[in-house]
Protein backbone atom coordinates (compact mmCIF):
# COMPACT_ATOMS: atom_id res chain seq x y z
CA MET A 1 10.38 3.22 6.69
CA THR A 2 7.04 4.83 7.55
CA THR A 3 6.52 6.53 10.89
CA PHE A 4 3.17 5.74 12.49
CA ASP A 5 2.63 5.91 16.24
CA GLU A 6 -0.55 3.94 16.88
CA HIS A 7 -0.36 4.78 20.58
CA ALA A 8 -0.53 8.52 19.81
CA VAL A 9 -3.82 8.05 17.90
CA ARG A 10 -5.19 5.10 19.88
CA HIS A 11 -7.97 7.22 21.41
CA ARG A 12 -9.25 7.88 17.86
CA LEU A 13 -9.37 4.18 16.90
CA LYS A 14 -11.55 1.27 18.02
CA LEU A 15 -9.80 -2.02 18.72
CA LEU A 16 -11.60 -4.81 16.82
CA THR A 17 -9.17 -7.72 17.27
CA ASP A 18 -6.00 -8.43 19.25
CA THR A 19 -4.38 -11.86 18.85
CA GLY A 20 -1.18 -10.99 20.69
CA ASN A 21 0.78 -10.96 17.40
CA ALA A 22 -1.68 -8.87 15.40
CA VAL A 23 -4.14 -6.04 16.01
CA LEU A 24 -7.00 -4.68 13.92
CA TYR A 25 -8.40 -1.21 14.57
CA GLU A 26 -11.30 0.70 13.03
CA ASN A 27 -10.63 4.36 12.28
CA ARG A 28 -13.41 6.27 14.07
CA GLU A 29 -12.15 9.83 13.62
CA GLY A 30 -10.56 10.17 10.18
CA VAL A 31 -6.93 9.54 11.10
CA ASP A 32 -4.79 9.96 7.97
CA CYS A 33 -2.90 7.05 6.42
CA PRO A 34 0.86 7.61 6.85
CA VAL A 35 1.44 6.23 3.34
CA CYS A 36 -1.01 8.14 1.10
CA GLY A 37 -2.31 10.87 3.42
CA ASP A 38 -6.00 9.98 3.00
CA PRO A 39 -8.06 8.78 5.98
CA PHE A 40 -7.93 4.99 6.30
CA ASP A 41 -10.84 2.73 7.29
CA GLU A 42 -9.01 -0.01 9.19
CA PHE A 43 -5.45 -0.46 10.42
CA TYR A 44 -3.93 -3.95 10.71
CA ALA A 45 -0.51 -4.56 12.26
CA THR A 46 1.29 -7.86 12.67
CA SER A 47 4.67 -9.04 13.89
CA ASP A 48 4.18 -12.57 12.53
CA ALA A 49 3.07 -14.31 9.35
CA GLU A 50 -0.69 -13.79 9.25
CA SER A 51 -3.59 -14.15 6.85
CA PHE A 52 -5.68 -11.05 6.22
CA ARG A 53 -8.97 -11.54 4.37
CA PRO A 54 -11.12 -8.42 4.06
CA SER A 55 -14.84 -9.14 3.96
CA ARG A 56 -15.35 -6.59 1.16
CA PRO A 57 -13.31 -5.12 -1.72
CA VAL A 58 -10.84 -2.54 -0.43
CA GLY A 59 -7.76 -0.69 -1.53
CA PHE A 60 -4.83 -0.74 0.84
CA CYS A 61 -1.50 0.85 1.67
CA VAL A 62 1.37 -1.14 3.16
CA ALA A 63 4.16 0.11 5.41
CA HIS A 64 6.52 -1.37 7.98
CA THR A 65 8.41 -0.59 11.13
CA ASP A 66 11.42 -2.49 12.44
CA GLU A 67 9.05 -4.81 14.31
CA ARG A 68 5.83 -5.03 12.29
CA LEU A 69 4.03 -4.95 8.96
CA LEU A 70 1.30 -2.27 8.77
CA LEU A 71 -1.72 -2.46 6.47
CA PHE A 72 -4.16 0.45 6.05
CA THR A 73 -7.42 -0.29 4.22
CA HIS A 74 -9.38 2.21 2.14
CA GLU A 75 -13.01 1.50 1.19
CA GLY A 76 -14.58 2.91 -1.95
CA VAL A 77 -11.37 2.85 -3.99
CA GLU A 78 -12.18 2.64 -7.68
CA GLU A 79 -10.17 0.36 -9.93
CA GLY A 80 -7.92 2.29 -12.25
C-alpha cells in the first residue's frame, strides 16, 4: 500500500473537481508521485467506481489506500 497524505501537500495543489466521491487536483509545485518519485501533473482519487478520461495522452501511476484508488498522471511520457 502506498502512503500519500494529500492533506499534507494540499497547499501545493489546486482543486479542479470534487464530486463528493472523487477529487481531481492539479500539481502546482512539483509534488513527487509516491509511486515513481517523479513530479505528477494531476492527482485523481476516488472511493467509488468512476470513469476517468484524460483530455490528452498521459502516462499514469496507480496506488491505493484502504479507502480509495489513487491515480497520478504524468504528461510528456514517451511510449517505450
